[in-house]
PDB file of N, CA and C in Angstrom:
ATOM      1  N   MET A   1      25.024 -33.022  11.501  1.00  0.00           N
ATOM      2  CA  MET A   1      24.164 -32.702  10.381  1.00  0.00           C
ATOM      3  C   MET A   1      23.226 -31.563  10.782  1.00  0.00           C
ATOM      4  N   THR A   2      23.154 -30.555   9.939  1.00  0.00           N
ATOM      5  CA  THR A   2      22.302 -29.400  10.192  1.00  0.00           C
ATOM      6  C   THR A   2      20.924 -29.628   9.591  1.00  0.00           C
ATOM      7  N   LYS A   3      19.920 -29.381  10.397  1.00  0.00           N
ATOM      8  CA  LYS A   3      18.549 -29.525   9.918  1.00  0.00           C
ATOM      9  C   LYS A   3      18.174 -28.305   9.083  1.00  0.00           C
ATOM     10  N   LYS A   4      17.611 -28.555   7.921  1.00  0.00           N
ATOM     11  CA  LYS A   4      17.195 -27.462   7.045  1.00  0.00           C
ATOM     12  C   LYS A   4      15.876 -26.882   7.548  1.00  0.00           C
ATOM     13  N   ILE A   5      15.818 -25.579   7.527  1.00  0.00           N
ATOM     14  CA  ILE A   5      14.606 -24.874   7.930  1.00  0.00           C
ATOM     15  C   ILE A   5      13.983 -24.260   6.689  1.00  0.00           C
ATOM     16  N   LYS A   6      12.724 -24.549   6.500  1.00  0.00           N
ATOM     17  CA  LYS A   6      12.018 -23.980   5.353  1.00  0.00           C
ATOM     18  C   LYS A   6      11.447 -22.614   5.760  1.00  0.00           C
ATOM     19  N   THR A   7      11.728 -21.607   4.968  1.00  0.00           N
ATOM     20  CA  THR A   7      11.213 -20.271   5.228  1.00  0.00           C
ATOM     21  C   THR A   7      10.359 -19.817   4.048  1.00  0.00           C
ATOM     22  N   THR A   8       9.516 -18.857   4.314  1.00  0.00           N
ATOM     23  CA  THR A   8       8.706 -18.243   3.261  1.00  0.00           C
ATOM     24  C   THR A   8       8.858 -16.736   3.367  1.00  0.00           C
ATOM     25  N   PRO A   9       8.737 -16.035   2.262  1.00  0.00           N
ATOM     26  CA  PRO A   9       8.843 -14.571   2.316  1.00  0.00           C
ATOM     27  C   PRO A   9       7.735 -13.985   3.188  1.00  0.00           C
ATOM     28  N   TRP A  10       8.084 -12.955   3.931  1.00  0.00           N
ATOM     29  CA  TRP A  10       7.116 -12.276   4.778  1.00  0.00           C
ATOM     30  C   TRP A  10       6.413 -11.208   3.953  1.00  0.00           C
ATOM     31  N   ASP A  11       5.095 -11.185   4.009  1.00  0.00           N
ATOM     32  CA  ASP A  11       4.290 -10.250   3.221  1.00  0.00           C
ATOM     33  C   ASP A  11       3.418  -9.430   4.166  1.00  0.00           C
ATOM     34  N   ILE A  12       3.726  -8.141   4.289  1.00  0.00           N
ATOM     35  CA  ILE A  12       2.990  -7.262   5.204  1.00  0.00           C
ATOM     36  C   ILE A  12       1.496  -7.255   4.901  1.00  0.00           C
ATOM     37  N   SER A  13       1.123  -7.410   3.642  1.00  0.00           N
ATOM     38  CA  SER A  13      -0.294  -7.332   3.289  1.00  0.00           C
ATOM     39  C   SER A  13      -1.121  -8.426   3.958  1.00  0.00           C
ATOM     40  N   GLU A  14      -0.476  -9.507   4.348  1.00  0.00           N
ATOM     41  CA  GLU A  14      -1.183 -10.578   5.050  1.00  0.00           C
ATOM     42  C   GLU A  14      -1.458 -10.237   6.513  1.00  0.00           C
ATOM     43  N   HIS A  15      -0.870  -9.147   6.992  1.00  0.00           N
ATOM     44  CA  HIS A  15      -0.977  -8.780   8.402  1.00  0.00           C
ATOM     45  C   HIS A  15      -1.725  -7.467   8.619  1.00  0.00           C
ATOM     46  N   LEU A  16      -2.207  -6.874   7.557  1.00  0.00           N
ATOM     47  CA  LEU A  16      -2.952  -5.609   7.656  1.00  0.00           C
ATOM     48  C   LEU A  16      -4.441  -5.927   7.652  1.00  0.00           C
ATOM     49  N   ARG A  17      -4.951  -6.291   8.813  1.00  0.00           N
ATOM     50  CA  ARG A  17      -6.333  -6.751   8.885  1.00  0.00           C
ATOM     51  C   ARG A  17      -7.313  -5.682   9.348  1.00  0.00           C
ATOM     52  N   THR A  18      -6.872  -4.765  10.155  1.00  0.00           N
ATOM     53  CA  THR A  18      -7.805  -3.771  10.709  1.00  0.00           C
ATOM     54  C   THR A  18      -7.427  -2.370  10.246  1.00  0.00           C
ATOM     55  N   GLU A  19      -8.363  -1.457  10.391  1.00  0.00           N
ATOM     56  CA  GLU A  19      -8.095  -0.061  10.042  1.00  0.00           C
ATOM     57  C   GLU A  19      -6.976   0.512  10.916  1.00  0.00           C
ATOM     58  N   ASP A  20      -6.931   0.113  12.193  1.00  0.00           N
ATOM     59  CA  ASP A  20      -5.872   0.596  13.088  1.00  0.00           C
ATOM     60  C   ASP A  20      -4.493   0.107  12.642  1.00  0.00           C
ATOM     61  N   GLU A  21      -4.402  -1.151  12.205  1.00  0.00           N
ATOM     62  CA  GLU A  21      -3.130  -1.679  11.715  1.00  0.00           C
ATOM     63  C   GLU A  21      -2.701  -0.968  10.445  1.00  0.00           C
ATOM     64  N   ILE A  22      -3.650  -0.718   9.575  1.00  0.00           N
ATOM     65  CA  ILE A  22      -3.357  -0.011   8.322  1.00  0.00           C
ATOM     66  C   ILE A  22      -2.908   1.415   8.613  1.00  0.00           C
ATOM     67  N   ALA A  23      -3.609   2.097   9.509  1.00  0.00           N
ATOM     68  CA  ALA A  23      -3.248   3.477   9.854  1.00  0.00           C
ATOM     69  C   ALA A  23      -1.861   3.540  10.496  1.00  0.00           C
ATOM     70  N   ALA A  24      -1.562   2.607  11.389  1.00  0.00           N
ATOM     71  CA  ALA A  24      -0.250   2.590  12.040  1.00  0.00           C
ATOM     72  C   ALA A  24       0.860   2.357  11.021  1.00  0.00           C
ATOM     73  N   TYR A  25       0.634   1.438  10.103  1.00  0.00           N
ATOM     74  CA  TYR A  25       1.614   1.151   9.055  1.00  0.00           C
ATOM     75  C   TYR A  25       1.843   2.379   8.178  1.00  0.00           C
ATOM     76  N   LEU A  26       0.768   2.984   7.722  1.00  0.00           N
ATOM     77  CA  LEU A  26       0.890   4.147   6.840  1.00  0.00           C
ATOM     78  C   LEU A  26       1.548   5.320   7.569  1.00  0.00           C
ATOM     79  N   ASN A  27       1.203   5.543   8.831  1.00  0.00           N
ATOM     80  CA  ASN A  27       1.840   6.623   9.599  1.00  0.00           C
ATOM     81  C   ASN A  27       3.333   6.390   9.771  1.00  0.00           C
ATOM     82  N   ALA A  28       3.729   5.150  10.013  1.00  0.00           N
ATOM     83  CA  ALA A  28       5.157   4.837  10.146  1.00  0.00           C
ATOM     84  C   ALA A  28       5.887   5.115   8.841  1.00  0.00           C
ATOM     85  N   VAL A  29       5.278   4.745   7.725  1.00  0.00           N
ATOM     86  CA  VAL A  29       5.888   4.982   6.421  1.00  0.00           C
ATOM     87  C   VAL A  29       5.981   6.485   6.139  1.00  0.00           C
ATOM     88  N   LEU A  30       4.938   7.220   6.474  1.00  0.00           N
ATOM     89  CA  LEU A  30       4.952   8.664   6.232  1.00  0.00           C
ATOM     90  C   LEU A  30       6.028   9.365   7.050  1.00  0.00           C
ATOM     91  N   GLU A  31       6.299   8.876   8.242  1.00  0.00           N
ATOM     92  CA  GLU A  31       7.351   9.473   9.073  1.00  0.00           C
ATOM     93  C   GLU A  31       8.712   9.347   8.420  1.00  0.00           C
ATOM     94  N   ASP A  32       8.914   8.292   7.656  1.00  0.00           N
ATOM     95  CA  ASP A  32      10.188   8.070   6.988  1.00  0.00           C
ATOM     96  C   ASP A  32      10.443   9.113   5.904  1.00  0.00           C
ATOM     97  N   GLY A  33       9.378   9.535   5.201  1.00  0.00           N
ATOM     98  CA  GLY A  33       9.506  10.563   4.178  1.00  0.00           C
ATOM     99  C   GLY A  33       9.961  10.071   2.818  1.00  0.00           C
ATOM    100  N   ASP A  34      10.081   8.772   2.634  1.00  0.00           N
ATOM    101  CA  ASP A  34      10.530   8.203   1.368  1.00  0.00           C
ATOM    102  C   ASP A  34       9.318   7.986   0.461  1.00  0.00           C
ATOM    103  N   ILE A  35       9.278   8.690  -0.671  1.00  0.00           N
ATOM    104  CA  ILE A  35       8.134   8.620  -1.589  1.00  0.00           C
ATOM    105  C   ILE A  35       7.946   7.202  -2.133  1.00  0.00           C
ATOM    106  N   ALA A  36       9.033   6.550  -2.545  1.00  0.00           N
ATOM    107  CA  ALA A  36       8.922   5.194  -3.092  1.00  0.00           C
ATOM    108  C   ALA A  36       8.363   4.237  -2.045  1.00  0.00           C
ATOM    109  N   LEU A  37       8.786   4.406  -0.804  1.00  0.00           N
ATOM    110  CA  LEU A  37       8.280   3.567   0.277  1.00  0.00           C
ATOM    111  C   LEU A  37       6.792   3.835   0.508  1.00  0.00           C
ATOM    112  N   PHE A  38       6.384   5.091   0.411  1.00  0.00           N
ATOM    113  CA  PHE A  38       4.974   5.450   0.562  1.00  0.00           C
ATOM    114  C   PHE A  38       4.130   4.788  -0.527  1.00  0.00           C
ATOM    115  N   VAL A  39       4.569   4.878  -1.772  1.00  0.00           N
ATOM    116  CA  VAL A  39       3.834   4.258  -2.885  1.00  0.00           C
ATOM    117  C   VAL A  39       3.768   2.745  -2.688  1.00  0.00           C
ATOM    118  N   SER A  40       4.869   2.154  -2.251  1.00  0.00           N
ATOM    119  CA  SER A  40       4.896   0.724  -1.988  1.00  0.00           C
ATOM    120  C   SER A  40       3.922   0.350  -0.869  1.00  0.00           C
ATOM    121  N   ALA A  41       3.863   1.162   0.169  1.00  0.00           N
ATOM    122  CA  ALA A  41       2.944   0.902   1.288  1.00  0.00           C
ATOM    123  C   ALA A  41       1.494   0.983   0.833  1.00  0.00           C
ATOM    124  N   ILE A  42       1.180   1.935  -0.027  1.00  0.00           N
ATOM    125  CA  ILE A  42      -0.175   2.021  -0.575  1.00  0.00           C
ATOM    126  C   ILE A  42      -0.486   0.734  -1.342  1.00  0.00           C
ATOM    127  N   GLY A  43       0.499   0.223  -2.067  1.00  0.00           N
ATOM    128  CA  GLY A  43       0.329  -1.048  -2.774  1.00  0.00           C
ATOM    129  C   GLY A  43       0.101  -2.209  -1.815  1.00  0.00           C
ATOM    130  N   ASP A  44       0.842  -2.219  -0.708  1.00  0.00           N
ATOM    131  CA  ASP A  44       0.649  -3.270   0.301  1.00  0.00           C
ATOM    132  C   ASP A  44      -0.773  -3.226   0.864  1.00  0.00           C
ATOM    133  N   ILE A  45      -1.247  -2.032   1.146  1.00  0.00           N
ATOM    134  CA  ILE A  45      -2.587  -1.877   1.715  1.00  0.00           C
ATOM    135  C   ILE A  45      -3.640  -2.267   0.681  1.00  0.00           C
ATOM    136  N   ALA A  46      -3.426  -1.860  -0.570  1.00  0.00           N
ATOM    137  CA  ALA A  46      -4.370  -2.228  -1.636  1.00  0.00           C
ATOM    138  C   ALA A  46      -4.420  -3.741  -1.799  1.00  0.00           C
ATOM    139  N   LYS A  47      -3.271  -4.386  -1.718  1.00  0.00           N
ATOM    140  CA  LYS A  47      -3.230  -5.846  -1.817  1.00  0.00           C
ATOM    141  C   LYS A  47      -3.993  -6.481  -0.655  1.00  0.00           C
ATOM    142  N   ALA A  48      -3.826  -5.924   0.534  1.00  0.00           N
ATOM    143  CA  ALA A  48      -4.528  -6.446   1.713  1.00  0.00           C
ATOM    144  C   ALA A  48      -6.038  -6.289   1.572  1.00  0.00           C
ATOM    145  N   ARG A  49      -6.471  -5.198   0.940  1.00  0.00           N
ATOM    146  CA  ARG A  49      -7.896  -4.922   0.786  1.00  0.00           C
ATOM    147  C   ARG A  49      -8.503  -5.566  -0.461  1.00  0.00           C
ATOM    148  N   GLY A  50      -7.653  -6.031  -1.372  1.00  0.00           N
ATOM    149  CA  GLY A  50      -8.133  -6.628  -2.616  1.00  0.00           C
ATOM    150  C   GLY A  50      -7.887  -5.687  -3.775  1.00  0.00           C
ATOM    151  N   MET A  51      -6.853  -5.971  -4.532  1.00  0.00           N
ATOM    152  CA  MET A  51      -6.412  -5.087  -5.607  1.00  0.00           C
ATOM    153  C   MET A  51      -7.507  -4.831  -6.633  1.00  0.00           C
ATOM    154  N   THR A  52      -8.261  -5.849  -6.987  1.00  0.00           N
ATOM    155  CA  THR A  52      -9.318  -5.681  -7.993  1.00  0.00           C
ATOM    156  C   THR A  52     -10.378  -4.702  -7.507  1.00  0.00           C
ATOM    157  N   GLU A  53     -10.803  -4.854  -6.275  1.00  0.00           N
ATOM    158  CA  GLU A  53     -11.828  -3.974  -5.711  1.00  0.00           C
ATOM    159  C   GLU A  53     -11.326  -2.540  -5.580  1.00  0.00           C
ATOM    160  N   ILE A  54     -10.093  -2.369  -5.141  1.00  0.00           N
ATOM    161  CA  ILE A  54      -9.521  -1.027  -4.999  1.00  0.00           C
ATOM    162  C   ILE A  54      -9.394  -0.376  -6.373  1.00  0.00           C
ATOM    163  N   ALA A  55      -8.957  -1.116  -7.367  1.00  0.00           N
ATOM    164  CA  ALA A  55      -8.847  -0.576  -8.731  1.00  0.00           C
ATOM    165  C   ALA A  55     -10.216  -0.118  -9.230  1.00  0.00           C
ATOM    166  N   ARG A  56     -11.228  -0.933  -8.991  1.00  0.00           N
ATOM    167  CA  ARG A  56     -12.587  -0.575  -9.426  1.00  0.00           C
ATOM    168  C   ARG A  56     -13.046   0.710  -8.744  1.00  0.00           C
ATOM    169  N   LYS A  57     -12.859   0.797  -7.436  1.00  0.00           N
ATOM    170  CA  LYS A  57     -13.276   1.981  -6.688  1.00  0.00           C
ATOM    171  C   LYS A  57     -12.489   3.230  -7.117  1.00  0.00           C
ATOM    172  N   ALA A  58     -11.225   3.034  -7.462  1.00  0.00           N
ATOM    173  CA  ALA A  58     -10.377   4.161  -7.854  1.00  0.00           C
ATOM    174  C   ALA A  58     -10.576   4.569  -9.309  1.00  0.00           C
ATOM    175  N   GLY A  59     -11.294   3.735 -10.067  1.00  0.00           N
ATOM    176  CA  GLY A  59     -11.555   4.064 -11.462  1.00  0.00           C
ATOM    177  C   GLY A  59     -10.384   3.809 -12.388  1.00  0.00           C
ATOM    178  N   VAL A  60      -9.547   2.827 -12.033  1.00  0.00           N
ATOM    179  CA  VAL A  60      -8.419   2.455 -12.883  1.00  0.00           C
ATOM    180  C   VAL A  60      -8.463   0.946 -13.102  1.00  0.00           C
ATOM    181  N   SER A  61      -7.764   0.476 -14.119  1.00  0.00           N
ATOM    182  CA  SER A  61      -7.722  -0.964 -14.352  1.00  0.00           C
ATOM    183  C   SER A  61      -6.800  -1.609 -13.323  1.00  0.00           C
ATOM    184  N   ARG A  62      -7.032  -2.873 -13.092  1.00  0.00           N
ATOM    185  CA  ARG A  62      -6.214  -3.612 -12.125  1.00  0.00           C
ATOM    186  C   ARG A  62      -4.747  -3.607 -12.549  1.00  0.00           C
ATOM    187  N   SER A  63      -4.501  -3.854 -13.825  1.00  0.00           N
ATOM    188  CA  SER A  63      -3.112  -3.886 -14.303  1.00  0.00           C
ATOM    189  C   SER A  63      -2.458  -2.505 -14.194  1.00  0.00           C
ATOM    190  N   SER A  64      -3.227  -1.461 -14.455  1.00  0.00           N
ATOM    191  CA  SER A  64      -2.698  -0.099 -14.318  1.00  0.00           C
ATOM    192  C   SER A  64      -2.363   0.208 -12.859  1.00  0.00           C
ATOM    193  N   LEU A  65      -3.211  -0.255 -11.952  1.00  0.00           N
ATOM    194  CA  LEU A  65      -2.961  -0.039 -10.529  1.00  0.00           C
ATOM    195  C   LEU A  65      -1.698  -0.777 -10.095  1.00  0.00           C
ATOM    196  N   TYR A  66      -1.563  -2.037 -10.506  1.00  0.00           N
ATOM    197  CA  TYR A  66      -0.351  -2.790 -10.186  1.00  0.00           C
ATOM    198  C   TYR A  66       0.889  -2.062 -10.697  1.00  0.00           C
ATOM    199  N   HIS A  67       0.831  -1.600 -11.939  1.00  0.00           N
ATOM    200  CA  HIS A  67       1.981  -0.903 -12.522  1.00  0.00           C
ATOM    201  C   HIS A  67       2.270   0.398 -11.774  1.00  0.00           C
ATOM    202  N   SER A  68       1.235   1.177 -11.475  1.00  0.00           N
ATOM    203  CA  SER A  68       1.425   2.455 -10.780  1.00  0.00           C
ATOM    204  C   SER A  68       2.080   2.274  -9.425  1.00  0.00           C
ATOM    205  N   LEU A  69       1.712   1.194  -8.729  1.00  0.00           N
ATOM    206  CA  LEU A  69       2.206   0.983  -7.374  1.00  0.00           C
ATOM    207  C   LEU A  69       3.459   0.123  -7.314  1.00  0.00           C
ATOM    208  N   SER A  70       3.946  -0.286  -8.477  1.00  0.00           N
ATOM    209  CA  SER A  70       5.190  -1.063  -8.517  1.00  0.00           C
ATOM    210  C   SER A  70       6.378  -0.097  -8.472  1.00  0.00           C
ATOM    211  N   GLY A  71       7.539  -0.636  -8.329  1.00  0.00           N
ATOM    212  CA  GLY A  71       8.746   0.182  -8.328  1.00  0.00           C
ATOM    213  C   GLY A  71       9.011   0.846  -9.662  1.00  0.00           C
ATOM    214  N   ARG A  72       8.370   0.344 -10.727  1.00  0.00           N
ATOM    215  CA  ARG A  72       8.559   0.903 -12.068  1.00  0.00           C
ATOM    216  C   ARG A  72       7.564   2.013 -12.377  1.00  0.00           C
ATOM    217  N   GLY A  73       6.506   2.091 -11.611  1.00  0.00           N
ATOM    218  CA  GLY A  73       5.458   3.068 -11.894  1.00  0.00           C
ATOM    219  C   GLY A  73       5.804   4.452 -11.374  1.00  0.00           C
ATOM    220  N   ASN A  74       5.108   5.413 -11.896  1.00  0.00           N
ATOM    221  CA  ASN A  74       5.250   6.800 -11.454  1.00  0.00           C
ATOM    222  C   ASN A  74       3.840   7.393 -11.422  1.00  0.00           C
ATOM    223  N   PRO A  75       3.053   7.016 -10.401  1.00  0.00           N
ATOM    224  CA  PRO A  75       1.646   7.420 -10.397  1.00  0.00           C
ATOM    225  C   PRO A  75       1.473   8.926 -10.235  1.00  0.00           C
ATOM    226  N   GLU A  76       0.459   9.438 -10.883  1.00  0.00           N
ATOM    227  CA  GLU A  76       0.122  10.847 -10.731  1.00  0.00           C
ATOM    228  C   GLU A  76      -0.501  11.060  -9.362  1.00  0.00           C
ATOM    229  N   PHE A  77      -0.428  12.289  -8.873  1.00  0.00           N
ATOM    230  CA  PHE A  77      -0.983  12.615  -7.565  1.00  0.00           C
ATOM    231  C   PHE A  77      -2.476  12.315  -7.515  1.00  0.00           C
ATOM    232  N   ALA A  78      -3.186  12.639  -8.581  1.00  0.00           N
ATOM    233  CA  ALA A  78      -4.635  12.390  -8.617  1.00  0.00           C
ATOM    234  C   ALA A  78      -4.938  10.894  -8.497  1.00  0.00           C
ATOM    235  N   THR A  79      -4.131  10.071  -9.138  1.00  0.00           N
ATOM    236  CA  THR A  79      -4.312   8.621  -9.036  1.00  0.00           C
ATOM    237  C   THR A  79      -4.072   8.161  -7.607  1.00  0.00           C
ATOM    238  N   MET A  80      -2.996   8.646  -7.003  1.00  0.00           N
ATOM    239  CA  MET A  80      -2.694   8.267  -5.625  1.00  0.00           C
ATOM    240  C   MET A  80      -3.830   8.679  -4.683  1.00  0.00           C
ATOM    241  N   MET A  81      -4.341   9.872  -4.849  1.00  0.00           N
ATOM    242  CA  MET A  81      -5.422  10.327  -3.973  1.00  0.00           C
ATOM    243  C   MET A  81      -6.676   9.492  -4.172  1.00  0.00           C
ATOM    244  N   SER A  82      -6.959   9.111  -5.401  1.00  0.00           N
ATOM    245  CA  SER A  82      -8.107   8.261  -5.687  1.00  0.00           C
ATOM    246  C   SER A  82      -7.939   6.894  -5.037  1.00  0.00           C
ATOM    247  N   VAL A  83      -6.744   6.341  -5.123  1.00  0.00           N
ATOM    248  CA  VAL A  83      -6.472   5.036  -4.512  1.00  0.00           C
ATOM    249  C   VAL A  83      -6.556   5.149  -2.994  1.00  0.00           C
ATOM    250  N   ILE A  84      -5.958   6.172  -2.428  1.00  0.00           N
ATOM    251  CA  ILE A  84      -5.999   6.370  -0.973  1.00  0.00           C
ATOM    252  C   ILE A  84      -7.436   6.477  -0.495  1.00  0.00           C
ATOM    253  N   HIS A  85      -8.240   7.238  -1.204  1.00  0.00           N
ATOM    254  CA  HIS A  85      -9.655   7.362  -0.853  1.00  0.00           C
ATOM    255  C   HIS A  85     -10.346   6.001  -0.946  1.00  0.00           C
ATOM    256  N   SER A  86     -10.027   5.233  -1.974  1.00  0.00           N
ATOM    257  CA  SER A  86     -10.623   3.914  -2.167  1.00  0.00           C
ATOM    258  C   SER A  86     -10.229   2.934  -1.073  1.00  0.00           C
ATOM    259  N   LEU A  87      -9.079   3.174  -0.441  1.00  0.00           N
ATOM    260  CA  LEU A  87      -8.621   2.309   0.644  1.00  0.00           C
ATOM    261  C   LEU A  87      -9.362   2.583   1.946  1.00  0.00           C
ATOM    262  N   GLY A  88     -10.081   3.706   1.980  1.00  0.00           N
ATOM    263  CA  GLY A  88     -10.809   4.044   3.196  1.00  0.00           C
ATOM    264  C   GLY A  88      -9.937   4.687   4.253  1.00  0.00           C
ATOM    265  N   VAL A  89      -8.837   5.295   3.824  1.00  0.00           N
ATOM    266  CA  VAL A  89      -7.973   6.017   4.763  1.00  0.00           C
ATOM    267  C   VAL A  89      -7.919   7.480   4.352  1.00  0.00           C
ATOM    268  N   LYS A  90      -7.499   8.300   5.285  1.00  0.00           N
ATOM    269  CA  LYS A  90      -7.417   9.733   5.019  1.00  0.00           C
ATOM    270  C   LYS A  90      -6.063  10.225   5.480  1.00  0.00           C
ATOM    271  N   LEU A  91      -5.458  11.073   4.674  1.00  0.00           N
ATOM    272  CA  LEU A  91      -4.202  11.692   5.044  1.00  0.00           C
ATOM    273  C   LEU A  91      -4.494  13.037   5.687  1.00  0.00           C
ATOM    274  N   THR A  92      -3.761  13.357   6.729  1.00  0.00           N
ATOM    275  CA  THR A  92      -3.931  14.663   7.355  1.00  0.00           C
ATOM    276  C   THR A  92      -2.552  15.303   7.495  1.00  0.00           C
ATOM    277  N   ALA A  93      -2.565  16.602   7.632  1.00  0.00           N
ATOM    278  CA  ALA A  93      -1.320  17.336   7.803  1.00  0.00           C
ATOM    279  C   ALA A  93      -1.249  17.916   9.224  1.00  0.00           C
ATOM    280  N   ALA A  94      -0.040  17.994   9.733  1.00  0.00           N
ATOM    281  CA  ALA A  94       0.169  18.576  11.045  1.00  0.00           C
ATOM    282  C   ALA A  94       1.457  19.379  10.990  1.00  0.00           C
ATOM    283  N   PRO A  95       1.575  20.412  11.800  1.00  0.00           N
ATOM    284  CA  PRO A  95       2.827  21.172  11.794  1.00  0.00           C
ATOM    285  C   PRO A  95       3.994  20.299  12.283  1.00  0.00           C
ATOM    286  N   VAL A  96       5.165  20.566  11.730  1.00  0.00           N
ATOM    287  CA  VAL A  96       6.340  19.791  12.125  1.00  0.00           C
ATOM    288  C   VAL A  96       7.104  20.468  13.232  1.00  0.00           C
TER     289      VAL A  96
END
């Protein structure tokens, strides 16, 4: 008889506790170059920081933020920059 193992979905937002962890996660995602993955990662970080608070700081409604950062959303660059700023992170550019 095989013993059943109960599993739960793994949620990265539960593991993004420090600024260093958030920066490492975002840098890894940026290296990949996938825009959808980047938007999803911003959503993960916003969830870790508190979606309601991030929406308030970014000047958008909570439901609008959820939609923008979902796979169905298509957020404008200005919205993304506002959310990124609200997360307390900064994007920088470097030569490739």
